[in-house]
Amino acid sequence: MKRSRYLLAYDIRDPRRLRQVHTTATAYGSALQYSVFVCDLNPGELVKLRMALRETMNAGEDSVMLLHLGDGYDRRSFEFMGVAPNLPSGGAVVI
């Protein structure tokens, strides 16, 4: 299945929910910063990620952003200042 790259960022108000969302994000992507992940997902994985996040977050208090970055795995679409984290080179990341 074709994969697309997404940027996942979140702002979670409750420490317990924050840990749960972080665990979910770690299962689907690679951390760029504590609450920012890059995820290479096929359509089925994207649906599962959305479902897991909706089940964990409080829609009235928390915020989660999924930004579609396109197909492919071009590192040039990221600009880092300072220490640059390792980006996934493509393929499955889901644990």
N, C-alpha and C. Protein backbone atom coordinates (compact mmCIF):
# COMPACT_ATOMS: atom_id res chain seq x y z
N MET A 1 0.82 -1.18 0.00
CA MET A 1 0.00 0.00 0.00
C MET A 1 0.87 1.25 0.00
N LYS A 2 0.41 2.27 -0.66
CA LYS A 2 1.13 3.53 -0.74
C LYS A 2 1.13 4.26 0.61
N ARG A 3 2.27 4.82 0.97
CA ARG A 3 2.41 5.55 2.22
C ARG A 3 2.52 7.04 1.95
N SER A 4 2.02 7.81 2.88
CA SER A 4 2.16 9.25 2.84
C SER A 4 2.78 9.70 4.15
N ARG A 5 3.45 10.83 4.11
CA ARG A 5 4.09 11.38 5.30
C ARG A 5 3.18 12.42 5.95
N TYR A 6 3.05 12.32 7.28
CA TYR A 6 2.24 13.25 8.07
C TYR A 6 3.08 13.81 9.20
N LEU A 7 2.78 15.05 9.54
CA LEU A 7 3.34 15.65 10.73
C LEU A 7 2.23 15.62 11.78
N LEU A 8 2.51 15.04 12.93
CA LEU A 8 1.57 14.93 14.03
C LEU A 8 2.09 15.80 15.16
N ALA A 9 1.26 16.72 15.64
CA ALA A 9 1.62 17.57 16.78
C ALA A 9 0.42 17.63 17.71
N TYR A 10 0.71 17.73 19.00
CA TYR A 10 -0.40 17.74 19.95
C TYR A 10 -0.11 18.62 21.15
N ASP A 11 -1.20 19.08 21.76
CA ASP A 11 -1.18 19.85 23.00
C ASP A 11 -2.26 19.23 23.88
N ILE A 12 -1.84 18.45 24.86
CA ILE A 12 -2.75 17.69 25.72
C ILE A 12 -2.67 18.25 27.13
N ARG A 13 -3.81 18.59 27.71
CA ARG A 13 -3.86 19.29 29.01
C ARG A 13 -3.66 18.40 30.23
N ASP A 14 -4.09 17.17 30.17
CA ASP A 14 -4.04 16.26 31.32
C ASP A 14 -2.80 15.35 31.23
N PRO A 15 -1.99 15.24 32.30
CA PRO A 15 -0.78 14.41 32.24
C PRO A 15 -1.03 12.95 31.87
N ARG A 16 -2.12 12.36 32.35
CA ARG A 16 -2.41 10.96 32.01
C ARG A 16 -2.72 10.82 30.52
N ARG A 17 -3.57 11.71 30.00
CA ARG A 17 -3.89 11.67 28.57
C ARG A 17 -2.64 11.99 27.74
N LEU A 18 -1.82 12.90 28.23
CA LEU A 18 -0.58 13.24 27.52
C LEU A 18 0.30 12.01 27.34
N ARG A 19 0.46 11.22 28.39
CA ARG A 19 1.27 9.99 28.29
C ARG A 19 0.65 9.01 27.30
N GLN A 20 -0.68 8.89 27.32
CA GLN A 20 -1.36 7.97 26.41
C GLN A 20 -1.21 8.41 24.95
N VAL A 21 -1.38 9.70 24.70
CA VAL A 21 -1.23 10.21 23.33
C VAL A 21 0.22 10.06 22.88
N HIS A 22 1.16 10.33 23.77
CA HIS A 22 2.58 10.17 23.42
C HIS A 22 2.89 8.71 23.07
N THR A 23 2.35 7.77 23.84
CA THR A 23 2.55 6.35 23.56
C THR A 23 1.97 5.98 22.19
N THR A 24 0.79 6.48 21.89
CA THR A 24 0.16 6.23 20.59
C THR A 24 1.01 6.82 19.47
N ALA A 25 1.44 8.07 19.63
CA ALA A 25 2.25 8.72 18.59
C ALA A 25 3.55 7.96 18.36
N THR A 26 4.16 7.48 19.43
CA THR A 26 5.41 6.72 19.32
C THR A 26 5.21 5.42 18.54
N ALA A 27 4.03 4.83 18.67
CA ALA A 27 3.73 3.58 17.96
C ALA A 27 3.57 3.80 16.46
N TYR A 28 3.23 5.02 16.05
CA TYR A 28 2.95 5.29 14.64
C TYR A 28 4.00 6.16 13.96
N GLY A 29 4.92 6.74 14.70
CA GLY A 29 5.86 7.65 14.07
C GLY A 29 7.14 7.82 14.84
N SER A 30 7.94 8.77 14.39
CA SER A 30 9.23 9.07 14.98
C SER A 30 9.19 10.49 15.54
N ALA A 31 9.67 10.64 16.76
CA ALA A 31 9.63 11.94 17.42
C ALA A 31 10.63 12.91 16.79
N LEU A 32 10.15 14.10 16.48
CA LEU A 32 11.03 15.19 16.08
C LEU A 32 11.31 16.06 17.30
N GLN A 33 10.28 16.28 18.10
CA GLN A 33 10.34 16.94 19.39
C GLN A 33 9.36 16.20 20.28
N TYR A 34 9.25 16.59 21.55
CA TYR A 34 8.43 15.81 22.47
C TYR A 34 7.00 15.62 21.97
N SER A 35 6.38 16.65 21.45
CA SER A 35 4.99 16.53 21.02
C SER A 35 4.83 16.70 19.52
N VAL A 36 5.89 16.45 18.76
CA VAL A 36 5.86 16.56 17.30
C VAL A 36 6.47 15.29 16.72
N PHE A 37 5.71 14.63 15.84
CA PHE A 37 6.14 13.37 15.26
C PHE A 37 6.00 13.42 13.75
N VAL A 38 6.84 12.66 13.05
CA VAL A 38 6.67 12.43 11.63
C VAL A 38 6.22 10.97 11.48
N CYS A 39 5.15 10.77 10.72
CA CYS A 39 4.55 9.44 10.57
C CYS A 39 4.41 9.11 9.09
N ASP A 40 4.91 7.97 8.69
CA ASP A 40 4.74 7.47 7.33
C ASP A 40 3.67 6.40 7.38
N LEU A 41 2.48 6.70 6.85
CA LEU A 41 1.32 5.86 7.05
C LEU A 41 0.63 5.49 5.74
N ASN A 42 0.10 4.27 5.70
CA ASN A 42 -0.80 3.92 4.61
C ASN A 42 -2.20 4.32 5.06
N PRO A 43 -3.19 4.28 4.17
CA PRO A 43 -4.54 4.74 4.55
C PRO A 43 -5.14 4.01 5.76
N GLY A 44 -4.91 2.74 5.88
CA GLY A 44 -5.44 1.98 7.01
C GLY A 44 -4.81 2.40 8.33
N GLU A 45 -3.50 2.62 8.31
CA GLU A 45 -2.80 3.07 9.51
C GLU A 45 -3.26 4.46 9.94
N LEU A 46 -3.53 5.32 8.95
CA LEU A 46 -4.02 6.66 9.25
C LEU A 46 -5.37 6.59 9.97
N VAL A 47 -6.26 5.73 9.52
CA VAL A 47 -7.56 5.56 10.17
C VAL A 47 -7.37 5.06 11.60
N LYS A 48 -6.50 4.06 11.79
CA LYS A 48 -6.26 3.52 13.13
C LYS A 48 -5.65 4.57 14.05
N LEU A 49 -4.73 5.37 13.54
CA LEU A 49 -4.14 6.43 14.35
C LEU A 49 -5.20 7.44 14.78
N ARG A 50 -6.01 7.87 13.84
CA ARG A 50 -7.07 8.83 14.17
C ARG A 50 -8.02 8.28 15.23
N MET A 51 -8.41 7.02 15.09
CA MET A 51 -9.31 6.39 16.06
C MET A 51 -8.66 6.34 17.44
N ALA A 52 -7.39 5.94 17.50
CA ALA A 52 -6.69 5.83 18.78
C ALA A 52 -6.57 7.20 19.45
N LEU A 53 -6.29 8.23 18.66
CA LEU A 53 -6.17 9.58 19.23
C LEU A 53 -7.51 10.08 19.73
N ARG A 54 -8.58 9.87 18.97
CA ARG A 54 -9.91 10.32 19.38
C ARG A 54 -10.37 9.63 20.66
N GLU A 55 -9.99 8.36 20.82
CA GLU A 55 -10.38 7.61 22.02
C GLU A 55 -9.63 8.11 23.26
N THR A 56 -8.45 8.67 23.07
CA THR A 56 -7.60 9.08 24.19
C THR A 56 -7.79 10.53 24.57
N MET A 57 -7.88 11.41 23.59
CA MET A 57 -7.92 12.84 23.87
C MET A 57 -9.28 13.31 24.35
N ASN A 58 -9.32 14.48 24.95
CA ASN A 58 -10.57 15.15 25.33
C ASN A 58 -10.75 16.28 24.32
N ALA A 59 -11.71 16.13 23.42
CA ALA A 59 -11.90 17.10 22.33
C ALA A 59 -12.24 18.49 22.83
N GLY A 60 -12.73 18.62 24.06
CA GLY A 60 -13.05 19.92 24.62
C GLY A 60 -11.86 20.63 25.25
N GLU A 61 -10.76 19.90 25.51
CA GLU A 61 -9.60 20.49 26.16
C GLU A 61 -8.31 20.36 25.35
N ASP A 62 -8.18 19.30 24.59
CA ASP A 62 -6.92 18.96 23.93
C ASP A 62 -6.94 19.33 22.45
N SER A 63 -5.77 19.40 21.87
CA SER A 63 -5.64 19.69 20.44
C SER A 63 -4.62 18.74 19.82
N VAL A 64 -5.01 18.13 18.70
CA VAL A 64 -4.13 17.27 17.93
C VAL A 64 -4.19 17.73 16.48
N MET A 65 -3.02 17.85 15.85
CA MET A 65 -2.95 18.28 14.45
C MET A 65 -2.25 17.19 13.64
N LEU A 66 -2.86 16.83 12.53
CA LEU A 66 -2.25 15.95 11.54
C LEU A 66 -2.11 16.75 10.25
N LEU A 67 -0.90 16.93 9.81
CA LEU A 67 -0.63 17.70 8.61
C LEU A 67 -0.07 16.78 7.53
N HIS A 68 -0.77 16.64 6.42
CA HIS A 68 -0.31 15.79 5.32
C HIS A 68 0.84 16.49 4.60
N LEU A 69 2.00 15.84 4.57
CA LEU A 69 3.18 16.42 3.93
C LEU A 69 3.41 15.89 2.53
N GLY A 70 2.59 14.94 2.12
CA GLY A 70 2.70 14.41 0.77
C GLY A 70 3.24 13.00 0.73
N ASP A 71 3.38 12.52 -0.46
CA ASP A 71 3.90 11.18 -0.68
C ASP A 71 5.41 11.25 -0.77
N GLY A 72 6.04 10.15 -0.46
CA GLY A 72 7.49 10.11 -0.55
C GLY A 72 8.14 10.48 0.76
N TYR A 73 9.44 10.44 0.77
CA TYR A 73 10.19 10.59 2.00
C TYR A 73 11.37 11.52 1.78
N ASP A 74 11.10 12.70 1.27
CA ASP A 74 12.14 13.65 0.92
C ASP A 74 12.55 14.47 2.14
N ARG A 75 13.76 14.26 2.62
CA ARG A 75 14.26 14.99 3.79
C ARG A 75 14.34 16.49 3.51
N ARG A 76 14.42 16.89 2.25
CA ARG A 76 14.54 18.31 1.93
C ARG A 76 13.30 19.11 2.29
N SER A 77 12.19 18.46 2.56
CA SER A 77 10.98 19.19 2.96
C SER A 77 11.05 19.64 4.42
N PHE A 78 12.10 19.24 5.14
CA PHE A 78 12.30 19.64 6.53
C PHE A 78 13.53 20.54 6.62
N GLU A 79 13.40 21.62 7.35
CA GLU A 79 14.55 22.49 7.63
C GLU A 79 14.72 22.53 9.14
N PHE A 80 15.91 22.17 9.60
CA PHE A 80 16.20 22.17 11.03
C PHE A 80 17.25 23.22 11.33
N MET A 81 17.13 23.86 12.47
CA MET A 81 18.16 24.75 12.99
C MET A 81 18.65 24.12 14.28
N GLY A 82 19.92 23.96 14.42
CA GLY A 82 20.45 23.25 15.58
C GLY A 82 20.50 21.77 15.29
N VAL A 83 20.33 20.98 16.31
CA VAL A 83 20.43 19.52 16.18
C VAL A 83 19.24 18.99 15.39
N ALA A 84 19.51 18.26 14.34
CA ALA A 84 18.46 17.69 13.50
C ALA A 84 18.22 16.24 13.90
N PRO A 85 16.97 15.88 14.23
CA PRO A 85 16.68 14.48 14.57
C PRO A 85 16.73 13.61 13.33
N ASN A 86 16.90 12.33 13.53
CA ASN A 86 16.87 11.40 12.41
C ASN A 86 15.45 11.21 11.94
N LEU A 87 15.23 11.38 10.67
CA LEU A 87 13.91 11.16 10.08
C LEU A 87 13.85 9.72 9.57
N PRO A 88 12.66 9.12 9.61
CA PRO A 88 12.54 7.78 9.03
C PRO A 88 12.80 7.85 7.54
N SER A 89 13.37 6.80 7.00
CA SER A 89 13.69 6.77 5.57
C SER A 89 12.55 6.21 4.76
N GLY A 90 11.47 5.85 5.39
CA GLY A 90 10.30 5.32 4.69
C GLY A 90 9.97 3.94 5.20
N GLY A 91 8.84 3.46 4.77
CA GLY A 91 8.42 2.13 5.19
C GLY A 91 7.65 2.17 6.49
N ALA A 92 7.30 1.00 6.96
CA ALA A 92 6.47 0.88 8.15
C ALA A 92 7.21 1.31 9.40
N VAL A 93 6.51 2.04 10.23
CA VAL A 93 7.02 2.45 11.53
C VAL A 93 6.11 1.92 12.62
N VAL A 94 4.92 1.50 12.28
CA VAL A 94 3.92 1.07 13.25
C VAL A 94 4.42 -0.11 14.06
N ILE A 95 4.26 -0.01 15.37
CA ILE A 95 4.70 -1.09 16.27
C ILE A 95 3.51 -1.95 16.64
